[in-house]
Amino acid sequence: MTAKEGTWRVYLSGPTREAVTLCAFAADLRDDGHQVTSRWLESYSRRATGDEASRAQRDLADLRSSEFLVALTGPRVGGRGGRHTELGVAIERGLPIVLVGTVEHVFHHMAAVTVVVDFDAARNYLAASRRPPA
């Protein structure tokens, strides 16, 4: 299913410890009419154990169903690194990427990546983005 004109299916990427912040941003995106595909945010409070391969497959499926990636970065973000894999998948798929925070490595300099300072700027960027012609 394609999102209606002016809205996007958005995958949110970031460390679990920033899930509360990302959930608040997800609510803002939904208020703007976007669909947030990141199901991992629905279960972040339950520290998942076991069957991590299934969780990884779910996250990849959610990312494959998306049209945009918004990734939280920066010196205080940290985490175990799954967000770097998600960014790589998004680059490989040709998705537009909005990086909220600071540039961390060479892949953040790619043409598909737009760096913004905060979530408000990310919302504005998504609102201003237009779909390519079919």
N, C-alpha and C. Protein backbone atom coordinates (compact mmCIF):
# COMPACT_ATOMS: atom_id res chain seq x y z
N MET A 1 0.85 -1.18 0.00
CA MET A 1 0.00 0.00 0.00
C MET A 1 0.89 1.24 0.00
N THR A 2 0.61 2.16 -0.85
CA THR A 2 1.36 3.40 -0.93
C THR A 2 0.68 4.46 -0.07
N ALA A 3 1.47 5.21 0.65
CA ALA A 3 0.93 6.29 1.47
C ALA A 3 0.33 7.36 0.57
N LYS A 4 -0.65 8.11 1.09
CA LYS A 4 -1.27 9.16 0.29
C LYS A 4 -0.27 10.27 0.01
N GLU A 5 -0.58 11.07 -0.98
CA GLU A 5 0.31 12.17 -1.39
C GLU A 5 0.67 13.04 -0.19
N GLY A 6 1.96 13.33 -0.07
CA GLY A 6 2.43 14.18 1.01
C GLY A 6 2.72 13.44 2.31
N THR A 7 2.46 12.13 2.34
CA THR A 7 2.79 11.36 3.53
C THR A 7 3.68 10.19 3.13
N TRP A 8 4.33 9.62 4.11
CA TRP A 8 5.31 8.57 3.86
C TRP A 8 5.15 7.42 4.84
N ARG A 9 5.64 6.26 4.45
CA ARG A 9 5.84 5.14 5.37
C ARG A 9 7.27 5.28 5.88
N VAL A 10 7.41 5.53 7.18
CA VAL A 10 8.69 5.92 7.76
C VAL A 10 9.16 4.88 8.77
N TYR A 11 10.42 4.47 8.64
CA TYR A 11 11.05 3.61 9.62
C TYR A 11 11.93 4.47 10.51
N LEU A 12 11.77 4.33 11.82
CA LEU A 12 12.58 5.08 12.78
C LEU A 12 13.67 4.17 13.33
N SER A 13 14.89 4.65 13.25
CA SER A 13 16.06 3.88 13.68
C SER A 13 16.78 4.61 14.79
N GLY A 14 17.14 3.86 15.82
CA GLY A 14 17.89 4.43 16.93
C GLY A 14 18.05 3.38 18.01
N PRO A 15 18.84 3.67 19.03
CA PRO A 15 19.05 2.70 20.09
C PRO A 15 17.81 2.55 20.98
N THR A 16 17.67 1.37 21.56
CA THR A 16 16.53 1.09 22.42
C THR A 16 16.41 2.10 23.55
N ARG A 17 17.52 2.54 24.09
CA ARG A 17 17.45 3.47 25.22
C ARG A 17 16.87 4.83 24.83
N GLU A 18 16.75 5.10 23.54
CA GLU A 18 16.11 6.33 23.06
C GLU A 18 14.68 6.08 22.58
N ALA A 19 14.13 4.92 22.91
CA ALA A 19 12.81 4.54 22.41
C ALA A 19 11.71 5.48 22.87
N VAL A 20 11.78 5.99 24.08
CA VAL A 20 10.75 6.92 24.56
C VAL A 20 10.74 8.17 23.67
N THR A 21 11.91 8.69 23.37
CA THR A 21 12.03 9.86 22.49
C THR A 21 11.50 9.53 21.10
N LEU A 22 11.88 8.35 20.59
CA LEU A 22 11.43 7.95 19.25
C LEU A 22 9.93 7.69 19.21
N CYS A 23 9.35 7.18 20.29
CA CYS A 23 7.90 6.98 20.35
C CYS A 23 7.16 8.31 20.30
N ALA A 24 7.68 9.31 21.00
CA ALA A 24 7.06 10.65 20.94
C ALA A 24 7.14 11.21 19.53
N PHE A 25 8.29 11.03 18.87
CA PHE A 25 8.44 11.48 17.49
C PHE A 25 7.50 10.71 16.57
N ALA A 26 7.35 9.40 16.80
CA ALA A 26 6.42 8.58 16.00
C ALA A 26 5.00 9.11 16.11
N ALA A 27 4.60 9.51 17.32
CA ALA A 27 3.25 10.07 17.51
C ALA A 27 3.09 11.36 16.72
N ASP A 28 4.13 12.20 16.71
CA ASP A 28 4.09 13.43 15.92
C ASP A 28 3.96 13.12 14.43
N LEU A 29 4.71 12.12 13.96
CA LEU A 29 4.63 11.75 12.54
C LEU A 29 3.24 11.24 12.19
N ARG A 30 2.66 10.43 13.07
CA ARG A 30 1.29 9.94 12.82
C ARG A 30 0.31 11.11 12.77
N ASP A 31 0.48 12.08 13.66
CA ASP A 31 -0.37 13.28 13.64
C ASP A 31 -0.24 14.02 12.31
N ASP A 32 0.94 13.93 11.70
CA ASP A 32 1.17 14.57 10.40
C ASP A 32 0.63 13.73 9.24
N GLY A 33 0.11 12.53 9.53
CA GLY A 33 -0.45 11.67 8.49
C GLY A 33 0.48 10.58 7.99
N HIS A 34 1.69 10.49 8.53
CA HIS A 34 2.64 9.47 8.11
C HIS A 34 2.33 8.15 8.80
N GLN A 35 2.76 7.07 8.20
CA GLN A 35 2.67 5.75 8.81
C GLN A 35 4.06 5.37 9.32
N VAL A 36 4.15 5.05 10.60
CA VAL A 36 5.43 4.62 11.19
C VAL A 36 5.45 3.11 11.16
N THR A 37 6.48 2.55 10.53
CA THR A 37 6.54 1.11 10.31
C THR A 37 7.37 0.37 11.35
N SER A 38 7.99 1.07 12.27
CA SER A 38 8.95 0.48 13.23
C SER A 38 8.23 -0.24 14.37
N ARG A 39 7.90 -1.51 14.17
CA ARG A 39 7.19 -2.26 15.21
C ARG A 39 8.04 -2.47 16.46
N TRP A 40 9.36 -2.34 16.33
CA TRP A 40 10.20 -2.53 17.52
C TRP A 40 9.85 -1.51 18.60
N LEU A 41 9.31 -0.35 18.21
CA LEU A 41 8.94 0.66 19.19
C LEU A 41 7.74 0.23 20.04
N GLU A 42 6.93 -0.69 19.53
CA GLU A 42 5.77 -1.16 20.29
C GLU A 42 6.17 -2.05 21.46
N SER A 43 7.35 -2.62 21.41
CA SER A 43 7.75 -3.59 22.44
C SER A 43 9.04 -3.20 23.15
N TYR A 44 9.48 -1.96 23.01
CA TYR A 44 10.77 -1.58 23.58
C TYR A 44 10.80 -1.72 25.09
N SER A 45 9.66 -1.53 25.76
CA SER A 45 9.67 -1.56 27.22
C SER A 45 9.83 -2.98 27.77
N ARG A 46 9.54 -3.95 26.95
CA ARG A 46 9.75 -5.34 27.35
C ARG A 46 11.13 -5.74 26.85
N ARG A 47 12.09 -5.77 27.73
CA ARG A 47 13.45 -6.11 27.32
C ARG A 47 13.43 -7.49 26.68
N ALA A 48 13.49 -7.51 25.39
CA ALA A 48 13.35 -8.76 24.65
C ALA A 48 14.54 -9.67 24.91
N THR A 49 14.22 -10.93 25.08
CA THR A 49 15.26 -11.93 25.23
C THR A 49 14.93 -13.08 24.29
N GLY A 50 15.95 -13.79 23.87
CA GLY A 50 15.72 -14.93 22.99
C GLY A 50 15.18 -14.51 21.64
N ASP A 51 15.16 -15.41 20.74
CA ASP A 51 14.63 -15.25 19.39
C ASP A 51 14.98 -13.90 18.75
N GLU A 52 16.21 -13.51 18.94
CA GLU A 52 16.65 -12.23 18.36
C GLU A 52 16.66 -12.28 16.84
N ALA A 53 16.84 -13.47 16.25
CA ALA A 53 16.80 -13.57 14.79
C ALA A 53 15.42 -13.20 14.27
N SER A 54 14.38 -13.61 14.98
CA SER A 54 13.01 -13.24 14.56
C SER A 54 12.79 -11.75 14.67
N ARG A 55 13.32 -11.14 15.72
CA ARG A 55 13.18 -9.69 15.87
C ARG A 55 13.93 -8.98 14.75
N ALA A 56 15.11 -9.47 14.40
CA ALA A 56 15.86 -8.85 13.30
C ALA A 56 15.10 -8.99 11.99
N GLN A 57 14.49 -10.13 11.73
CA GLN A 57 13.70 -10.33 10.51
C GLN A 57 12.50 -9.39 10.48
N ARG A 58 11.85 -9.21 11.63
CA ARG A 58 10.72 -8.28 11.71
C ARG A 58 11.18 -6.87 11.38
N ASP A 59 12.30 -6.46 11.96
CA ASP A 59 12.81 -5.11 11.72
C ASP A 59 13.15 -4.91 10.24
N LEU A 60 13.78 -5.91 9.63
CA LEU A 60 14.10 -5.81 8.20
C LEU A 60 12.83 -5.75 7.34
N ALA A 61 11.81 -6.53 7.70
CA ALA A 61 10.54 -6.48 6.97
C ALA A 61 9.92 -5.09 7.09
N ASP A 62 9.97 -4.53 8.30
CA ASP A 62 9.42 -3.18 8.50
C ASP A 62 10.19 -2.16 7.66
N LEU A 63 11.50 -2.28 7.63
CA LEU A 63 12.32 -1.38 6.84
C LEU A 63 12.04 -1.54 5.34
N ARG A 64 11.87 -2.78 4.89
CA ARG A 64 11.57 -3.02 3.47
C ARG A 64 10.22 -2.44 3.06
N SER A 65 9.30 -2.31 4.01
CA SER A 65 7.98 -1.76 3.69
C SER A 65 7.96 -0.23 3.76
N SER A 66 9.08 0.36 4.08
CA SER A 66 9.16 1.81 4.29
C SER A 66 9.59 2.54 3.03
N GLU A 67 9.32 3.84 3.04
CA GLU A 67 9.72 4.71 1.95
C GLU A 67 10.75 5.74 2.38
N PHE A 68 11.01 5.82 3.68
CA PHE A 68 11.92 6.80 4.26
C PHE A 68 12.52 6.19 5.52
N LEU A 69 13.76 6.53 5.81
CA LEU A 69 14.38 6.17 7.08
C LEU A 69 14.72 7.45 7.82
N VAL A 70 14.35 7.52 9.09
CA VAL A 70 14.79 8.60 9.97
C VAL A 70 15.65 7.94 11.04
N ALA A 71 16.92 8.36 11.13
CA ALA A 71 17.87 7.74 12.05
C ALA A 71 18.35 8.76 13.07
N LEU A 72 18.30 8.36 14.34
CA LEU A 72 18.81 9.19 15.43
C LEU A 72 20.28 8.87 15.65
N THR A 73 21.13 9.90 15.64
CA THR A 73 22.57 9.72 15.81
C THR A 73 23.11 10.72 16.82
N GLY A 74 24.39 10.62 17.08
CA GLY A 74 25.05 11.60 17.93
C GLY A 74 25.91 10.96 18.99
N PRO A 75 26.72 11.77 19.63
CA PRO A 75 27.69 11.23 20.59
C PRO A 75 27.05 10.56 21.80
N ARG A 76 25.87 10.97 22.20
CA ARG A 76 25.26 10.37 23.38
C ARG A 76 24.31 9.22 23.03
N VAL A 77 24.15 8.92 21.75
CA VAL A 77 23.19 7.92 21.33
C VAL A 77 23.68 6.51 21.64
N GLY A 78 24.88 6.17 21.23
CA GLY A 78 25.44 4.85 21.53
C GLY A 78 24.58 3.72 21.00
N GLY A 79 24.48 2.65 21.79
CA GLY A 79 23.69 1.49 21.40
C GLY A 79 24.56 0.34 20.96
N ARG A 80 23.91 -0.71 20.49
CA ARG A 80 24.64 -1.92 20.11
C ARG A 80 24.94 -1.99 18.62
N GLY A 81 24.39 -1.11 17.81
CA GLY A 81 24.79 -1.04 16.42
C GLY A 81 23.76 -1.45 15.39
N GLY A 82 22.60 -1.92 15.81
CA GLY A 82 21.58 -2.30 14.84
C GLY A 82 21.19 -1.16 13.91
N ARG A 83 21.25 0.05 14.43
CA ARG A 83 20.87 1.22 13.62
C ARG A 83 21.81 1.40 12.43
N HIS A 84 23.06 0.96 12.57
CA HIS A 84 24.00 1.05 11.46
C HIS A 84 23.62 0.07 10.35
N THR A 85 23.17 -1.11 10.75
CA THR A 85 22.70 -2.09 9.76
C THR A 85 21.48 -1.55 9.04
N GLU A 86 20.55 -0.98 9.80
CA GLU A 86 19.33 -0.43 9.20
C GLU A 86 19.67 0.68 8.21
N LEU A 87 20.62 1.52 8.54
CA LEU A 87 21.04 2.57 7.62
C LEU A 87 21.62 1.96 6.34
N GLY A 88 22.43 0.93 6.48
CA GLY A 88 23.01 0.28 5.31
C GLY A 88 21.95 -0.33 4.40
N VAL A 89 20.95 -0.96 5.00
CA VAL A 89 19.85 -1.53 4.21
C VAL A 89 19.11 -0.41 3.48
N ALA A 90 18.86 0.69 4.17
CA ALA A 90 18.16 1.82 3.54
C ALA A 90 18.97 2.39 2.38
N ILE A 91 20.28 2.50 2.55
CA ILE A 91 21.13 2.99 1.46
C ILE A 91 21.05 2.03 0.28
N GLU A 92 21.17 0.75 0.55
CA GLU A 92 21.12 -0.27 -0.52
C GLU A 92 19.79 -0.23 -1.26
N ARG A 93 18.71 0.02 -0.55
CA ARG A 93 17.38 0.07 -1.17
C ARG A 93 17.12 1.39 -1.87
N GLY A 94 17.99 2.37 -1.70
CA GLY A 94 17.80 3.67 -2.34
C GLY A 94 16.79 4.56 -1.62
N LEU A 95 16.55 4.30 -0.34
CA LEU A 95 15.60 5.12 0.42
C LEU A 95 16.22 6.47 0.76
N PRO A 96 15.41 7.50 0.77
CA PRO A 96 15.90 8.77 1.32
C PRO A 96 16.05 8.61 2.83
N ILE A 97 17.07 9.24 3.39
CA ILE A 97 17.40 9.09 4.79
C ILE A 97 17.52 10.47 5.42
N VAL A 98 16.89 10.63 6.58
CA VAL A 98 17.04 11.84 7.37
C VAL A 98 17.78 11.45 8.64
N LEU A 99 18.91 12.06 8.84
CA LEU A 99 19.75 11.81 10.00
C LEU A 99 19.49 12.91 11.01
N VAL A 100 18.97 12.55 12.18
CA VAL A 100 18.71 13.53 13.23
C VAL A 100 19.87 13.47 14.21
N GLY A 101 20.72 14.50 14.17
CA GLY A 101 21.88 14.51 15.05
C GLY A 101 23.14 14.88 14.29
N THR A 102 24.18 14.12 14.56
CA THR A 102 25.48 14.44 13.97
C THR A 102 25.99 13.31 13.09
N VAL A 103 26.84 13.68 12.15
CA VAL A 103 27.47 12.71 11.27
C VAL A 103 28.45 11.88 12.09
N GLU A 104 28.38 10.54 11.92
CA GLU A 104 29.23 9.64 12.69
C GLU A 104 30.25 8.89 11.84
N HIS A 105 29.96 8.67 10.57
CA HIS A 105 30.88 7.90 9.74
C HIS A 105 30.67 8.23 8.27
N VAL A 106 31.48 7.62 7.42
CA VAL A 106 31.54 7.94 6.00
C VAL A 106 30.18 7.76 5.30
N PHE A 107 29.39 6.79 5.71
CA PHE A 107 28.11 6.55 5.03
C PHE A 107 27.10 7.67 5.27
N HIS A 108 27.32 8.46 6.29
CA HIS A 108 26.43 9.59 6.55
C HIS A 108 26.67 10.74 5.58
N HIS A 109 27.70 10.63 4.74
CA HIS A 109 28.01 11.66 3.74
C HIS A 109 27.42 11.34 2.37
N MET A 110 26.69 10.26 2.25
CA MET A 110 26.15 9.85 0.95
C MET A 110 25.03 10.79 0.52
N ALA A 111 24.80 10.85 -0.77
CA ALA A 111 23.82 11.78 -1.34
C ALA A 111 22.41 11.56 -0.82
N ALA A 112 22.06 10.32 -0.48
CA ALA A 112 20.70 10.01 -0.01
C ALA A 112 20.46 10.50 1.41
N VAL A 113 21.51 10.92 2.10
CA VAL A 113 21.41 11.29 3.52
C VAL A 113 21.32 12.80 3.68
N THR A 114 20.28 13.23 4.39
CA THR A 114 20.12 14.63 4.75
C THR A 114 20.25 14.73 6.26
N VAL A 115 21.14 15.59 6.73
CA VAL A 115 21.38 15.75 8.16
C VAL A 115 20.58 16.95 8.66
N VAL A 116 19.82 16.73 9.75
CA VAL A 116 19.07 17.81 10.38
C VAL A 116 19.41 17.84 11.87
N VAL A 117 19.11 18.95 12.52
CA VAL A 117 19.54 19.13 13.90
C VAL A 117 18.58 18.53 14.93
N ASP A 118 17.29 18.42 14.58
CA ASP A 118 16.33 17.92 15.58
C ASP A 118 15.11 17.32 14.89
N PHE A 119 14.21 16.79 15.70
CA PHE A 119 13.03 16.13 15.16
C PHE A 119 12.08 17.10 14.46
N ASP A 120 12.01 18.34 14.91
CA ASP A 120 11.17 19.33 14.22
C ASP A 120 11.65 19.53 12.78
N ALA A 121 12.97 19.62 12.62
CA ALA A 121 13.53 19.78 11.27
C ALA A 121 13.26 18.53 10.43
N ALA A 122 13.30 17.36 11.04
CA ALA A 122 12.99 16.13 10.30
C ALA A 122 11.54 16.13 9.84
N ARG A 123 10.63 16.55 10.71
CA ARG A 123 9.21 16.63 10.32
C ARG A 123 9.03 17.60 9.16
N ASN A 124 9.69 18.74 9.22
CA ASN A 124 9.59 19.73 8.14
C ASN A 124 10.14 19.16 6.84
N TYR A 125 11.23 18.42 6.92
CA TYR A 125 11.83 17.83 5.72
C TYR A 125 10.88 16.81 5.10
N LEU A 126 10.29 15.96 5.93
CA LEU A 126 9.33 14.98 5.41
C LEU A 126 8.13 15.67 4.77
N ALA A 127 7.65 16.73 5.41
CA ALA A 127 6.49 17.45 4.88
C ALA A 127 6.81 18.09 3.54
N ALA A 128 8.03 18.53 3.34
CA ALA A 128 8.42 19.21 2.11
C ALA A 128 8.84 18.23 0.99
N SER A 129 9.06 16.99 1.34
CA SER A 129 9.54 16.01 0.35
C SER A 129 8.42 15.58 -0.57
N ARG A 130 8.74 15.44 -1.81
CA ARG A 130 7.78 15.03 -2.82
C ARG A 130 8.17 13.68 -3.39
N ARG A 131 7.19 12.94 -3.77
CA ARG A 131 7.44 11.63 -4.38
C ARG A 131 7.99 11.81 -5.78
N PRO A 132 8.91 10.94 -6.16
CA PRO A 132 9.38 10.99 -7.55
C PRO A 132 8.26 10.55 -8.49
N PRO A 133 8.29 10.98 -9.73
CA PRO A 133 7.26 10.57 -10.67
C PRO A 133 7.29 9.06 -10.86
N ALA A 134 6.10 8.48 -11.00
CA ALA A 134 6.01 7.02 -11.16
C ALA A 134 6.47 6.57 -12.53
